């Protein structure tokens, strides 16, 4: 029995040594073009403030301040509108390896839809109700990012930064209605 285990041990050692002797040495090179896709969750937050002005009608409002400004709206300061959604995108780039450093450039485009509409009513006087309509909408994001990094064996650590471009639509409007007293 001992001879069998001894033979099996030597055979295993020989197999490991012959495998290691024939193993290739990999040389990693980060120079090349790449393309990919991504998907994820996105969160958007818009900050805005509203200041309302109107033609003087003191007999309707009773809340006039100097300059014909509505104190109710101006007291709200900065309003925050937050929304969430999903994102899908594509990215492409190129890396140049300059041992032991590497530089690169990446661009990406993400398509998503973050939209939120909110209507907030304000009772300005017993007979005047005003409504503040807030809306925000963003549909895409494009980025360009250069990078510089350091390559060690199979690792590529880098620092990146760049520019991001998008369009965001924000709308705010005020509608005022008169209600008969007692309703």
N, C-alpha and C. Protein backbone atom coordinates (compact mmCIF):
# COMPACT_ATOMS: atom_id res chain seq x y z
N UNK A 1 0.84 -1.19 0.00
CA UNK A 1 0.00 0.00 0.00
C UNK A 1 0.87 1.24 0.00
N UNK A 2 1.94 1.17 0.80
CA UNK A 2 2.82 2.31 0.88
C UNK A 2 3.48 2.60 -0.46
N UNK A 3 3.80 1.61 -1.23
CA UNK A 3 4.42 1.78 -2.54
C UNK A 3 3.46 2.49 -3.49
N UNK A 4 2.18 2.14 -3.41
CA UNK A 4 1.18 2.79 -4.28
C UNK A 4 1.10 4.29 -3.99
N UNK A 5 1.03 4.66 -2.71
CA UNK A 5 0.96 6.07 -2.35
C UNK A 5 2.23 6.81 -2.74
N UNK A 6 3.35 6.16 -2.60
CA UNK A 6 4.62 6.73 -2.97
C UNK A 6 4.68 6.97 -4.48
N UNK A 7 4.22 6.02 -5.26
CA UNK A 7 4.19 6.15 -6.72
C UNK A 7 3.22 7.25 -7.13
N UNK A 8 2.06 7.29 -6.51
CA UNK A 8 1.07 8.33 -6.81
C UNK A 8 1.62 9.72 -6.48
N UNK A 9 2.35 9.84 -5.38
CA UNK A 9 2.94 11.11 -4.99
C UNK A 9 3.98 11.58 -6.00
N UNK A 10 4.87 10.66 -6.41
CA UNK A 10 5.90 11.04 -7.40
C UNK A 10 5.26 11.36 -8.74
N UNK A 11 4.24 10.66 -9.13
CA UNK A 11 3.56 10.92 -10.41
C UNK A 11 2.89 12.29 -10.38
N UNK A 12 2.27 12.63 -9.25
CA UNK A 12 1.63 13.94 -9.13
C UNK A 12 2.66 15.06 -9.17
N UNK A 13 3.78 14.88 -8.46
CA UNK A 13 4.83 15.90 -8.47
C UNK A 13 5.39 16.07 -9.88
N UNK A 14 5.60 14.98 -10.60
CA UNK A 14 6.11 15.05 -11.97
C UNK A 14 5.11 15.79 -12.87
N UNK A 15 3.80 15.51 -12.72
CA UNK A 15 2.78 16.17 -13.54
C UNK A 15 2.75 17.67 -13.28
N UNK A 16 2.84 18.08 -12.02
CA UNK A 16 2.84 19.50 -11.68
C UNK A 16 4.08 20.18 -12.25
N UNK A 17 5.25 19.55 -12.11
CA UNK A 17 6.48 20.15 -12.63
C UNK A 17 6.45 20.27 -14.15
N UNK A 18 5.95 19.27 -14.84
CA UNK A 18 5.91 19.34 -16.30
C UNK A 18 4.89 20.39 -16.77
N UNK A 19 3.78 20.54 -16.03
CA UNK A 19 2.79 21.56 -16.38
C UNK A 19 3.38 22.95 -16.19
N UNK A 20 4.08 23.15 -15.08
CA UNK A 20 4.68 24.46 -14.80
C UNK A 20 5.77 24.78 -15.81
N UNK A 21 6.53 23.80 -16.25
CA UNK A 21 7.59 24.04 -17.22
C UNK A 21 7.02 24.45 -18.58
N UNK A 22 5.86 23.95 -18.92
CA UNK A 22 5.25 24.26 -20.21
C UNK A 22 4.31 25.47 -20.16
N UNK A 23 4.07 26.00 -18.97
CA UNK A 23 3.15 27.14 -18.84
C UNK A 23 3.73 28.35 -19.55
N UNK A 24 2.88 29.08 -20.21
CA UNK A 24 3.31 30.28 -20.92
C UNK A 24 3.36 31.46 -19.96
N UNK A 25 4.28 32.34 -20.24
CA UNK A 25 4.34 33.58 -19.48
C UNK A 25 3.51 34.61 -20.23
N UNK A 26 2.47 35.09 -19.58
CA UNK A 26 1.60 36.05 -20.24
C UNK A 26 2.19 37.45 -20.11
N UNK A 27 2.14 38.18 -21.18
CA UNK A 27 2.59 39.56 -21.18
C UNK A 27 1.37 40.43 -21.46
N UNK A 28 0.91 41.16 -20.46
CA UNK A 28 -0.28 41.98 -20.61
C UNK A 28 0.07 43.29 -21.29
N UNK A 29 -0.75 43.65 -22.24
CA UNK A 29 -0.58 44.91 -22.94
C UNK A 29 -1.94 45.58 -23.00
N UNK A 30 -2.04 46.77 -22.42
CA UNK A 30 -3.31 47.47 -22.34
C UNK A 30 -3.57 48.36 -23.55
N UNK A 31 -2.68 48.36 -24.54
CA UNK A 31 -2.88 49.18 -25.74
C UNK A 31 -3.92 48.51 -26.64
N UNK A 32 -5.04 49.16 -26.83
CA UNK A 32 -6.07 48.64 -27.74
C UNK A 32 -7.35 49.46 -27.62
N UNK A 33 -8.22 49.23 -28.55
CA UNK A 33 -9.55 49.83 -28.60
C UNK A 33 -10.52 48.92 -27.86
N UNK A 34 -11.50 49.49 -27.19
CA UNK A 34 -12.52 48.68 -26.54
C UNK A 34 -13.88 49.36 -26.68
N UNK A 35 -14.93 48.58 -26.58
CA UNK A 35 -16.30 49.07 -26.64
C UNK A 35 -17.13 48.24 -25.67
N UNK A 36 -18.14 48.84 -25.09
CA UNK A 36 -18.95 48.11 -24.13
C UNK A 36 -20.31 48.74 -23.95
N UNK A 37 -21.11 48.13 -23.11
CA UNK A 37 -22.46 48.61 -22.81
C UNK A 37 -22.65 48.59 -21.30
N UNK A 38 -23.57 49.42 -20.83
CA UNK A 38 -23.84 49.45 -19.40
C UNK A 38 -25.32 49.74 -19.18
N UNK A 39 -25.76 49.42 -18.00
CA UNK A 39 -27.14 49.69 -17.59
C UNK A 39 -27.14 49.90 -16.09
N UNK A 40 -28.08 50.69 -15.61
CA UNK A 40 -28.13 50.92 -14.17
C UNK A 40 -29.27 51.81 -13.77
N UNK A 41 -29.20 52.26 -12.53
CA UNK A 41 -30.21 53.15 -11.97
C UNK A 41 -29.65 54.57 -11.93
N UNK A 42 -30.52 55.55 -12.05
CA UNK A 42 -30.09 56.94 -12.06
C UNK A 42 -30.99 57.74 -11.14
N UNK A 43 -30.43 58.74 -10.52
CA UNK A 43 -31.18 59.63 -9.64
C UNK A 43 -30.88 61.06 -10.06
N UNK A 44 -31.90 61.88 -10.14
CA UNK A 44 -31.76 63.26 -10.57
C UNK A 44 -32.35 64.17 -9.51
N UNK A 45 -31.69 65.30 -9.26
CA UNK A 45 -32.19 66.26 -8.28
C UNK A 45 -32.05 67.65 -8.87
N UNK A 46 -33.14 68.39 -8.93
CA UNK A 46 -33.14 69.75 -9.44
C UNK A 46 -33.45 70.71 -8.31
N UNK A 47 -32.68 71.78 -8.24
CA UNK A 47 -32.91 72.81 -7.24
C UNK A 47 -33.34 74.08 -7.97
N UNK A 48 -34.41 74.69 -7.53
CA UNK A 48 -34.87 75.93 -8.16
C UNK A 48 -35.59 76.78 -7.12
N UNK A 49 -35.70 78.06 -7.42
CA UNK A 49 -36.44 78.96 -6.55
C UNK A 49 -37.43 79.73 -7.41
N UNK A 50 -38.51 80.16 -6.81
CA UNK A 50 -39.57 80.85 -7.53
C UNK A 50 -39.84 82.19 -6.87
N UNK A 51 -39.93 83.20 -7.69
CA UNK A 51 -40.32 84.51 -7.20
C UNK A 51 -41.45 84.98 -8.11
N UNK A 52 -42.58 85.26 -7.53
CA UNK A 52 -43.75 85.65 -8.31
C UNK A 52 -44.00 87.14 -8.20
N UNK A 53 -44.31 87.76 -9.31
CA UNK A 53 -44.72 89.16 -9.32
C UNK A 53 -46.08 89.24 -10.00
N UNK A 54 -46.80 90.30 -9.75
CA UNK A 54 -48.14 90.45 -10.32
C UNK A 54 -48.49 91.92 -10.41
N UNK A 55 -49.56 92.18 -11.12
CA UNK A 55 -50.09 93.54 -11.18
C UNK A 55 -50.79 93.83 -9.87
N UNK A 56 -50.68 95.03 -9.35
CA UNK A 56 -51.28 95.34 -8.04
C UNK A 56 -52.81 95.17 -8.05
N UNK A 57 -53.27 94.30 -7.21
CA UNK A 57 -54.71 94.11 -7.00
C UNK A 57 -54.93 93.86 -5.51
N UNK A 58 -54.73 94.87 -4.68
CA UNK A 58 -54.78 94.66 -3.24
C UNK A 58 -56.14 94.21 -2.72
N UNK A 59 -57.21 94.51 -3.42
CA UNK A 59 -58.52 94.09 -2.92
C UNK A 59 -58.72 92.59 -3.05
N UNK A 60 -57.91 91.89 -3.87
CA UNK A 60 -58.05 90.44 -4.00
C UNK A 60 -57.13 89.68 -3.05
N UNK A 61 -55.91 90.17 -2.91
CA UNK A 61 -54.91 89.38 -2.20
C UNK A 61 -54.80 89.70 -0.72
N UNK A 62 -54.61 90.92 -0.39
CA UNK A 62 -54.41 91.28 1.00
C UNK A 62 -53.07 90.81 1.54
N UNK A 63 -52.16 90.28 0.68
CA UNK A 63 -50.85 89.81 1.13
C UNK A 63 -49.74 90.49 0.35
N UNK A 64 -49.97 91.72 -0.08
CA UNK A 64 -48.96 92.42 -0.86
C UNK A 64 -47.76 92.79 0.00
N UNK A 65 -46.59 92.74 -0.61
CA UNK A 65 -45.39 93.26 0.01
C UNK A 65 -44.80 94.27 -0.95
N UNK A 66 -43.77 94.97 -0.53
CA UNK A 66 -43.21 96.01 -1.39
C UNK A 66 -42.71 95.40 -2.69
N UNK A 67 -42.89 96.12 -3.78
CA UNK A 67 -42.46 95.64 -5.08
C UNK A 67 -43.46 94.72 -5.74
N UNK A 68 -44.65 94.61 -5.23
CA UNK A 68 -45.67 93.75 -5.80
C UNK A 68 -45.22 92.30 -5.89
N UNK A 69 -44.62 91.79 -4.86
CA UNK A 69 -44.12 90.41 -4.84
C UNK A 69 -44.97 89.60 -3.87
N UNK A 70 -45.27 88.40 -4.25
CA UNK A 70 -46.06 87.53 -3.38
C UNK A 70 -45.18 86.93 -2.29
N UNK A 71 -45.47 87.26 -1.05
CA UNK A 71 -44.67 86.74 0.06
C UNK A 71 -44.79 85.23 0.17
N UNK A 72 -45.91 84.66 -0.18
CA UNK A 72 -46.12 83.22 -0.04
C UNK A 72 -45.12 82.44 -0.88
N UNK A 73 -44.93 82.81 -2.13
CA UNK A 73 -44.00 82.09 -2.99
C UNK A 73 -42.56 82.38 -2.65
N UNK A 74 -42.25 83.62 -2.35
CA UNK A 74 -40.87 83.99 -2.09
C UNK A 74 -40.35 83.41 -0.78
N UNK A 75 -41.22 83.08 0.14
CA UNK A 75 -40.79 82.49 1.40
C UNK A 75 -40.36 81.03 1.23
N UNK A 76 -40.67 80.42 0.10
CA UNK A 76 -40.34 79.01 -0.11
C UNK A 76 -38.85 78.76 -0.35
N UNK A 77 -38.10 79.77 -0.71
CA UNK A 77 -36.66 79.67 -0.96
C UNK A 77 -36.38 78.62 -2.03
N UNK A 78 -35.38 77.77 -1.82
CA UNK A 78 -35.00 76.79 -2.83
C UNK A 78 -35.86 75.55 -2.72
N UNK A 79 -36.42 75.13 -3.85
CA UNK A 79 -37.26 73.95 -3.92
C UNK A 79 -36.44 72.81 -4.52
N UNK A 80 -36.57 71.62 -4.00
CA UNK A 80 -35.84 70.46 -4.48
C UNK A 80 -36.81 69.46 -5.10
N UNK A 81 -36.53 69.06 -6.32
CA UNK A 81 -37.33 68.05 -7.01
C UNK A 81 -36.40 66.89 -7.32
N UNK A 82 -36.70 65.70 -6.81
CA UNK A 82 -35.87 64.52 -7.04
C UNK A 82 -36.67 63.47 -7.77
N UNK A 83 -35.99 62.76 -8.69
CA UNK A 83 -36.64 61.69 -9.43
C UNK A 83 -35.63 60.59 -9.71
N UNK A 84 -36.10 59.39 -9.95
CA UNK A 84 -35.25 58.24 -10.25
C UNK A 84 -35.69 57.60 -11.56
N UNK A 85 -34.80 56.81 -12.15
CA UNK A 85 -35.12 56.11 -13.38
C UNK A 85 -34.06 55.06 -13.69
N UNK A 86 -34.11 54.51 -14.89
CA UNK A 86 -33.12 53.54 -15.34
C UNK A 86 -32.32 54.14 -16.48
N UNK A 87 -31.12 53.59 -16.70
CA UNK A 87 -30.20 54.11 -17.71
C UNK A 87 -29.63 52.95 -18.50
N UNK A 88 -29.48 53.13 -19.81
CA UNK A 88 -28.72 52.21 -20.67
C UNK A 88 -27.76 53.06 -21.49
N UNK A 89 -26.59 52.53 -21.76
CA UNK A 89 -25.62 53.32 -22.49
C UNK A 89 -24.56 52.49 -23.16
N UNK A 90 -23.74 53.16 -23.93
CA UNK A 90 -22.60 52.55 -24.61
C UNK A 90 -21.37 53.39 -24.31
N UNK A 91 -20.23 52.74 -24.31
CA UNK A 91 -18.98 53.47 -24.11
C UNK A 91 -17.90 52.85 -24.99
N UNK A 92 -16.93 53.67 -25.36
CA UNK A 92 -15.81 53.22 -26.17
C UNK A 92 -14.58 54.01 -25.77
N UNK A 93 -13.43 53.42 -26.01
CA UNK A 93 -12.21 54.10 -25.64
C UNK A 93 -10.98 53.46 -26.25
N UNK A 94 -9.86 54.08 -25.99
CA UNK A 94 -8.58 53.55 -26.46
C UNK A 94 -7.53 53.82 -25.40
N UNK A 95 -6.69 52.82 -25.15
CA UNK A 95 -5.59 52.93 -24.19
C UNK A 95 -4.26 52.77 -24.92
N UNK A 96 -3.27 53.54 -24.49
CA UNK A 96 -1.91 53.41 -24.99
C UNK A 96 -1.03 53.07 -23.79
N UNK A 97 -0.35 51.92 -23.86
CA UNK A 97 0.53 51.53 -22.77
C UNK A 97 1.94 52.02 -23.05
N UNK A 98 2.49 52.78 -22.13
CA UNK A 98 3.84 53.32 -22.19
C UNK A 98 4.54 52.84 -20.93
N UNK A 99 5.00 51.60 -20.93
CA UNK A 99 5.45 50.93 -19.70
C UNK A 99 6.31 51.82 -18.84
N UNK A 100 6.03 51.91 -17.56
CA UNK A 100 4.98 51.26 -16.79
C UNK A 100 3.70 52.08 -16.71
N UNK A 101 3.59 53.12 -17.51
CA UNK A 101 2.40 53.97 -17.47
C UNK A 101 1.47 53.64 -18.62
N UNK A 102 0.25 54.15 -18.53
CA UNK A 102 -0.71 54.01 -19.62
C UNK A 102 -1.59 55.26 -19.63
N UNK A 103 -1.98 55.68 -20.81
CA UNK A 103 -2.90 56.80 -20.97
C UNK A 103 -4.05 56.33 -21.84
N UNK A 104 -5.18 57.01 -21.74
CA UNK A 104 -6.33 56.59 -22.53
C UNK A 104 -7.36 57.69 -22.63
N UNK A 105 -8.36 57.42 -23.44
CA UNK A 105 -9.48 58.33 -23.64
C UNK A 105 -10.73 57.49 -23.77
N UNK A 106 -11.79 57.89 -23.06
CA UNK A 106 -13.06 57.17 -23.12
C UNK A 106 -14.19 58.15 -23.34
N UNK A 107 -15.15 57.74 -24.17
CA UNK A 107 -16.38 58.52 -24.36
C UNK A 107 -17.55 57.59 -24.06
N UNK A 108 -18.63 58.15 -23.59
CA UNK A 108 -19.83 57.34 -23.40
C UNK A 108 -21.09 58.17 -23.57
N UNK A 109 -22.14 57.46 -23.89
CA UNK A 109 -23.46 58.07 -24.08
C UNK A 109 -24.46 57.22 -23.31
N UNK A 110 -25.26 57.86 -22.48
CA UNK A 110 -26.29 57.17 -21.72
C UNK A 110 -27.65 57.76 -22.02
N UNK A 111 -28.61 56.89 -22.26
CA UNK A 111 -29.99 57.32 -22.51
C UNK A 111 -30.85 56.89 -21.32
N UNK A 112 -31.67 57.81 -20.84
CA UNK A 112 -32.54 57.54 -19.70
C UNK A 112 -33.70 58.52 -19.73
N UNK A 113 -34.59 58.36 -18.82
CA UNK A 113 -35.70 59.31 -18.72
C UNK A 113 -35.97 59.56 -17.25
N UNK A 114 -35.66 60.76 -16.82
CA UNK A 114 -36.03 61.17 -15.47
C UNK A 114 -36.98 62.34 -15.62
N UNK A 115 -38.19 62.16 -15.19
CA UNK A 115 -39.21 63.20 -15.34
C UNK A 115 -40.07 63.23 -14.09
N UNK A 116 -40.34 64.44 -13.63
CA UNK A 116 -41.21 64.60 -12.48
C UNK A 116 -42.04 65.86 -12.65
N UNK A 117 -43.31 65.75 -12.36
CA UNK A 117 -44.23 66.89 -12.39
C UNK A 117 -44.86 66.99 -11.01
N UNK A 118 -44.88 68.23 -10.48
CA UNK A 118 -45.51 68.44 -9.17
C UNK A 118 -46.30 69.73 -9.22
N UNK A 119 -47.53 69.68 -8.73
CA UNK A 119 -48.39 70.86 -8.62
C UNK A 119 -48.66 71.10 -7.14
N UNK A 120 -48.34 72.31 -6.69
CA UNK A 120 -48.49 72.67 -5.28
C UNK A 120 -49.46 73.83 -5.16
N UNK A 121 -50.62 73.64 -4.50
CA UNK A 121 -51.56 74.76 -4.34
C UNK A 121 -51.19 75.64 -3.14
N UNK A 122 -51.46 76.94 -3.26
CA UNK A 122 -51.23 77.91 -2.19
C UNK A 122 -52.51 78.73 -2.02
N UNK A 123 -53.00 78.82 -0.80
CA UNK A 123 -54.16 79.65 -0.49
C UNK A 123 -53.63 81.05 -0.18
N UNK A 124 -53.80 81.98 -1.11
CA UNK A 124 -53.27 83.33 -0.93
C UNK A 124 -54.19 84.22 -0.12
N UNK A 125 -55.47 84.01 -0.24
CA UNK A 125 -56.45 84.75 0.55
C UNK A 125 -57.71 83.89 0.59
N UNK A 126 -58.74 84.33 1.28
CA UNK A 126 -59.96 83.51 1.33
C UNK A 126 -60.58 83.25 -0.04
N UNK A 127 -60.30 84.10 -1.02
CA UNK A 127 -60.94 83.89 -2.33
C UNK A 127 -59.94 83.64 -3.45
N UNK A 128 -58.65 83.63 -3.18
CA UNK A 128 -57.66 83.43 -4.23
C UNK A 128 -56.81 82.21 -3.91
N UNK A 129 -56.80 81.26 -4.86
CA UNK A 129 -55.96 80.06 -4.76
C UNK A 129 -54.99 80.10 -5.93
N UNK A 130 -53.73 79.89 -5.64
CA UNK A 130 -52.72 79.87 -6.68
C UNK A 130 -52.06 78.50 -6.69
N UNK A 131 -51.62 78.06 -7.86
CA UNK A 131 -51.00 76.75 -7.97
C UNK A 131 -49.65 76.90 -8.65
N UNK A 132 -48.61 76.34 -8.03
CA UNK A 132 -47.26 76.37 -8.59
C UNK A 132 -47.02 75.03 -9.28
N UNK A 133 -46.76 75.08 -10.58
CA UNK A 133 -46.50 73.88 -11.39
C UNK A 133 -44.99 73.77 -11.59
N UNK A 134 -44.40 72.65 -11.15
CA UNK A 134 -42.96 72.42 -11.29
C UNK A 134 -42.75 71.16 -12.11
N UNK A 135 -41.82 71.22 -13.05
CA UNK A 135 -41.54 70.06 -13.91
C UNK A 135 -40.05 70.03 -14.23
N UNK A 136 -39.47 68.83 -14.21
CA UNK A 136 -38.08 68.64 -14.61
C UNK A 136 -37.99 67.40 -15.49
N UNK A 137 -37.09 67.44 -16.47
CA UNK A 137 -37.00 66.36 -17.44
C UNK A 137 -35.57 66.31 -18.00
N UNK A 138 -34.92 65.16 -17.94
CA UNK A 138 -33.60 64.94 -18.53
C UNK A 138 -33.60 63.59 -19.23
N UNK A 139 -33.00 63.52 -20.45
CA UNK A 139 -33.09 62.30 -21.24
C UNK A 139 -31.75 61.68 -21.65
N UNK A 140 -30.65 62.37 -21.52
CA UNK A 140 -29.38 61.81 -21.99
C UNK A 140 -28.19 62.43 -21.28
N UNK A 141 -27.04 61.76 -21.37
CA UNK A 141 -25.78 62.24 -20.81
C UNK A 141 -24.64 61.76 -21.69
N UNK A 142 -23.73 62.66 -22.06
CA UNK A 142 -22.57 62.35 -22.88
C UNK A 142 -21.33 62.79 -22.11
N UNK A 143 -20.33 61.91 -22.00
CA UNK A 143 -19.11 62.27 -21.28
C UNK A 143 -17.87 61.97 -22.11
N UNK A 144 -16.83 62.74 -21.88
CA UNK A 144 -15.50 62.54 -22.47
C UNK A 144 -14.51 62.59 -21.33
N UNK A 145 -13.69 61.51 -21.20
CA UNK A 145 -12.78 61.42 -20.06
C UNK A 145 -11.41 60.92 -20.48
N UNK A 146 -10.37 61.74 -20.34
CA UNK A 146 -9.02 61.21 -20.48
C UNK A 146 -8.61 60.51 -19.19
N UNK A 147 -7.61 59.65 -19.29
CA UNK A 147 -7.13 58.95 -18.09
C UNK A 147 -5.62 58.77 -18.16
N UNK A 148 -5.02 58.67 -17.01
CA UNK A 148 -3.60 58.36 -16.91
C UNK A 148 -3.46 57.36 -15.76
N UNK A 149 -2.62 56.36 -15.98
CA UNK A 149 -2.52 55.33 -14.95
C UNK A 149 -1.18 54.64 -14.95
N UNK A 150 -1.10 53.64 -14.10
CA UNK A 150 0.11 52.88 -13.89
C UNK A 150 -0.22 51.41 -14.07
N UNK A 151 0.62 50.68 -14.82
CA UNK A 151 0.40 49.27 -15.11
C UNK A 151 1.41 48.44 -14.33
N UNK A 152 0.89 47.44 -13.62
CA UNK A 152 1.75 46.49 -12.94
C UNK A 152 1.19 45.10 -13.20
N UNK A 153 1.89 44.33 -14.02
CA UNK A 153 1.47 42.98 -14.38
C UNK A 153 0.08 43.03 -15.02
N UNK A 154 -0.91 42.42 -14.39
CA UNK A 154 -2.26 42.41 -14.95
C UNK A 154 -3.13 43.52 -14.40
N UNK A 155 -2.58 44.37 -13.54
CA UNK A 155 -3.35 45.45 -12.92
C UNK A 155 -3.12 46.76 -13.65
N UNK A 156 -4.18 47.54 -13.80
CA UNK A 156 -4.11 48.86 -14.43
C UNK A 156 -4.89 49.82 -13.54
N UNK A 157 -4.19 50.54 -12.70
CA UNK A 157 -4.82 51.55 -11.85
C UNK A 157 -4.71 52.90 -12.52
N UNK A 158 -5.79 53.66 -12.53
CA UNK A 158 -5.76 54.94 -13.23
C UNK A 158 -6.61 55.99 -12.53
N UNK A 159 -6.35 57.23 -12.91
CA UNK A 159 -7.13 58.38 -12.46
C UNK A 159 -7.77 58.97 -13.71
N UNK A 160 -9.04 59.31 -13.60
CA UNK A 160 -9.75 59.86 -14.75
C UNK A 160 -10.58 61.07 -14.32
N UNK A 161 -10.87 61.91 -15.25
CA UNK A 161 -11.71 63.08 -15.03
C UNK A 161 -12.04 63.65 -16.40
N UNK A 162 -13.08 64.41 -16.51
CA UNK A 162 -13.43 64.92 -17.83
C UNK A 162 -14.61 65.85 -17.80
N UNK A 163 -15.33 65.84 -18.90
CA UNK A 163 -16.48 66.74 -19.06
C UNK A 163 -17.74 65.93 -19.33
N UNK A 164 -18.86 66.41 -18.81
CA UNK A 164 -20.16 65.78 -19.03
C UNK A 164 -21.11 66.80 -19.64
N UNK A 165 -21.92 66.36 -20.58
CA UNK A 165 -22.85 67.24 -21.28
C UNK A 165 -24.25 66.62 -21.25
N UNK A 166 -25.26 67.47 -21.03
CA UNK A 166 -26.65 67.02 -21.05
C UNK A 166 -27.54 68.24 -21.25
N UNK A 167 -28.80 68.00 -21.48
CA UNK A 167 -29.79 69.08 -21.46
C UNK A 167 -30.84 68.69 -20.43
N UNK A 168 -31.30 69.67 -19.72
CA UNK A 168 -32.31 69.44 -18.71
C UNK A 168 -33.37 70.52 -18.87
N UNK A 169 -34.60 70.11 -18.93
CA UNK A 169 -35.70 71.06 -19.07
C UNK A 169 -36.35 71.22 -17.70
N UNK A 170 -36.47 72.46 -17.28
CA UNK A 170 -37.18 72.77 -16.04
C UNK A 170 -38.24 73.82 -16.36
N UNK A 171 -39.43 73.57 -15.94
CA UNK A 171 -40.51 74.52 -16.16
C UNK A 171 -41.20 74.79 -14.83
N UNK A 172 -41.55 76.04 -14.63
CA UNK A 172 -42.30 76.43 -13.44
C UNK A 172 -43.31 77.48 -13.89
N UNK A 173 -44.51 77.31 -13.49
CA UNK A 173 -45.53 78.29 -13.84
C UNK A 173 -46.49 78.44 -12.66
N UNK A 174 -47.16 79.56 -12.64
CA UNK A 174 -48.09 79.86 -11.57
C UNK A 174 -49.45 80.17 -12.20
N UNK A 175 -50.46 79.53 -11.72
CA UNK A 175 -51.82 79.80 -12.17
C UNK A 175 -52.63 80.24 -10.96
N UNK A 176 -53.39 81.29 -11.11
CA UNK A 176 -54.18 81.83 -10.01
C UNK A 176 -55.66 81.75 -10.38
N UNK A 177 -56.47 81.30 -9.45
CA UNK A 177 -57.91 81.23 -9.68
C UNK A 177 -58.63 81.94 -8.55
N UNK A 178 -59.79 82.47 -8.88
CA UNK A 178 -60.65 83.10 -7.88
C UNK A 178 -61.77 82.14 -7.54
N UNK A 179 -61.98 81.94 -6.26
CA UNK A 179 -63.06 81.08 -5.81
C UNK A 179 -64.07 81.93 -5.07
N UNK A 180 -65.33 81.67 -5.27
CA UNK A 180 -66.34 82.41 -4.52
C UNK A 180 -66.21 82.16 -3.02
N UNK A 181 -66.45 83.19 -2.24
CA UNK A 181 -66.36 83.07 -0.78
C UNK A 181 -67.32 82.04 -0.27
N UNK A 182 -66.90 81.30 0.71
CA UNK A 182 -67.79 80.30 1.32
C UNK A 182 -67.65 78.92 0.72
N UNK A 183 -66.78 78.71 -0.28
CA UNK A 183 -66.59 77.35 -0.83
C UNK A 183 -65.27 76.78 -0.44
